[in-house]
Amino acid sequence: MDRSLLLLTAALMLPAAALAQTSPGGGGGQALYPTKAAAEKAAKHFHCTGAHQMGDQWMPCTKHADGSGSHTPAH
């Protein structure tokens, strides 16, 4: 019973982790924004322009593949 509860908890938390608002790779830079304007403003840190929608949030760069090859901001 305890193992089933642990597996259920892990299965429920995995999607939440995938939607976390930090960039992949643990760089700590934010990659999802609540508004298009905020994502467009952040695009300069990703070496791109514009923004694109991901679900109900926004990401920098006109296309997902634009920018420096990832959604990790340049330092």
C-alpha atoms as a PDB file:
ATOM      1  CA  MET A   1       0.000   0.000   0.000  1.00  0.00           C
ATOM      2  CA  ASP A   2       2.782   2.472   0.865  1.00  0.00           C
ATOM      3  CA  ARG A   3       4.522   1.834  -2.465  1.00  0.00           C
ATOM      4  CA  SER A   4       1.286   2.485  -4.371  1.00  0.00           C
ATOM      5  CA  LEU A   5       0.839   5.782  -2.559  1.00  0.00           C
ATOM      6  CA  LEU A   6       4.421   6.766  -3.332  1.00  0.00           C
ATOM      7  CA  LEU A   7       3.973   5.942  -7.039  1.00  0.00           C
ATOM      8  CA  LEU A   8       0.702   7.856  -7.174  1.00  0.00           C
ATOM      9  CA  THR A   9       2.300  10.876  -5.529  1.00  0.00           C
ATOM     10  CA  ALA A  10       5.224  10.766  -7.965  1.00  0.00           C
ATOM     11  CA  ALA A  11       2.869  10.469 -10.943  1.00  0.00           C
ATOM     12  CA  LEU A  12       0.898  13.496  -9.797  1.00  0.00           C
ATOM     13  CA  MET A  13       3.984  15.629  -9.131  1.00  0.00           C
ATOM     14  CA  LEU A  14       5.777  14.898 -12.414  1.00  0.00           C
ATOM     15  CA  PRO A  15       3.522  17.094 -14.576  1.00  0.00           C
ATOM     16  CA  ALA A  16       3.868  19.913 -12.059  1.00  0.00           C
ATOM     17  CA  ALA A  17       7.646  19.696 -12.296  1.00  0.00           C
ATOM     18  CA  ALA A  18       7.440  19.816 -16.092  1.00  0.00           C
ATOM     19  CA  LEU A  19       5.507  23.084 -15.869  1.00  0.00           C
ATOM     20  CA  ALA A  20       7.974  24.733 -13.512  1.00  0.00           C
ATOM     21  CA  GLN A  21       8.798  28.276 -14.517  1.00  0.00           C
ATOM     22  CA  THR A  22      12.551  27.991 -14.564  1.00  0.00           C
ATOM     23  CA  SER A  23      14.561  27.130 -17.614  1.00  0.00           C
ATOM     24  CA  PRO A  24      15.796  23.607 -18.284  1.00  0.00           C
ATOM     25  CA  GLY A  25      19.268  22.785 -17.059  1.00  0.00           C
ATOM     26  CA  GLY A  26      18.799  24.433 -13.695  1.00  0.00           C
ATOM     27  CA  GLY A  27      20.178  27.757 -14.864  1.00  0.00           C
ATOM     28  CA  GLY A  28      17.627  29.542 -12.724  1.00  0.00           C
ATOM     29  CA  GLY A  29      16.508  31.873 -15.501  1.00  0.00           C
ATOM     30  CA  GLN A  30      12.799  32.243 -15.990  1.00  0.00           C
ATOM     31  CA  ALA A  31      11.523  30.895 -19.329  1.00  0.00           C
ATOM     32  CA  LEU A  32       7.720  31.121 -18.891  1.00  0.00           C
ATOM     33  CA  TYR A  33       5.901  34.404 -18.419  1.00  0.00           C
ATOM     34  CA  PRO A  34       2.278  35.264 -17.637  1.00  0.00           C
ATOM     35  CA  THR A  35       2.008  37.851 -20.432  1.00  0.00           C
ATOM     36  CA  LYS A  36       3.226  38.222 -23.996  1.00  0.00           C
ATOM     37  CA  ALA A  37       4.730  41.607 -23.144  1.00  0.00           C
ATOM     38  CA  ALA A  38       6.851  40.136 -20.351  1.00  0.00           C
ATOM     39  CA  ALA A  39       8.140  37.356 -22.624  1.00  0.00           C
ATOM     40  CA  GLU A  40       8.939  39.858 -25.382  1.00  0.00           C
ATOM     41  CA  LYS A  41      10.883  41.989 -22.911  1.00  0.00           C
ATOM     42  CA  ALA A  42      12.872  38.921 -21.770  1.00  0.00           C
ATOM     43  CA  ALA A  43      13.628  37.848 -25.358  1.00  0.00           C
ATOM     44  CA  LYS A  44      16.788  39.988 -25.478  1.00  0.00           C
ATOM     45  CA  HIS A  45      18.317  37.708 -22.832  1.00  0.00           C
ATOM     46  CA  PHE A  46      17.679  34.755 -25.152  1.00  0.00           C
ATOM     47  CA  HIS A  47      19.234  36.512 -28.177  1.00  0.00           C
ATOM     48  CA  CYS A  48      15.924  36.654 -30.039  1.00  0.00           C
ATOM     49  CA  THR A  49      12.841  38.816 -30.483  1.00  0.00           C
ATOM     50  CA  GLY A  50       9.125  38.278 -30.046  1.00  0.00           C
ATOM     51  CA  ALA A  51       7.282  35.682 -27.990  1.00  0.00           C
ATOM     52  CA  HIS A  52       5.229  32.517 -28.478  1.00  0.00           C
ATOM     53  CA  GLN A  53       2.457  30.997 -26.419  1.00  0.00           C
ATOM     54  CA  MET A  54       2.871  27.733 -24.502  1.00  0.00           C
ATOM     55  CA  GLY A  55      -0.463  26.737 -23.005  1.00  0.00           C
ATOM     56  CA  ASP A  56      -1.693  29.687 -20.981  1.00  0.00           C
ATOM     57  CA  GLN A  57       1.773  31.219 -20.580  1.00  0.00           C
ATOM     58  CA  TRP A  58       4.328  32.852 -22.868  1.00  0.00           C
ATOM     59  CA  MET A  59       7.940  32.105 -23.772  1.00  0.00           C
ATOM     60  CA  PRO A  60      10.541  34.424 -25.317  1.00  0.00           C
ATOM     61  CA  CYS A  61      11.362  34.158 -29.064  1.00  0.00           C
ATOM     62  CA  THR A  62       8.955  34.124 -31.987  1.00  0.00           C
ATOM     63  CA  LYS A  63       9.449  30.371 -32.452  1.00  0.00           C
ATOM     64  CA  HIS A  64      10.330  27.727 -29.886  1.00  0.00           C
ATOM     65  CA  ALA A  65      13.574  26.869 -31.738  1.00  0.00           C
ATOM     66  CA  ASP A  66      14.779  30.491 -31.983  1.00  0.00           C
ATOM     67  CA  GLY A  67      17.318  32.026 -29.684  1.00  0.00           C
ATOM     68  CA  SER A  68      20.568  30.526 -28.498  1.00  0.00           C
ATOM     69  CA  GLY A  69      19.453  26.903 -28.971  1.00  0.00           C
ATOM     70  CA  SER A  70      17.639  26.579 -25.671  1.00  0.00           C
ATOM     71  CA  HIS A  71      15.427  28.590 -23.368  1.00  0.00           C
ATOM     72  CA  THR A  72      18.300  29.285 -21.015  1.00  0.00           C
ATOM     73  CA  PRO A  73      19.056  32.991 -20.908  1.00  0.00           C
ATOM     74  CA  ALA A  74      22.546  34.138 -21.822  1.00  0.00           C
ATOM     75  CA  HIS A  75      24.616  35.463 -18.931  1.00  0.00           C
END
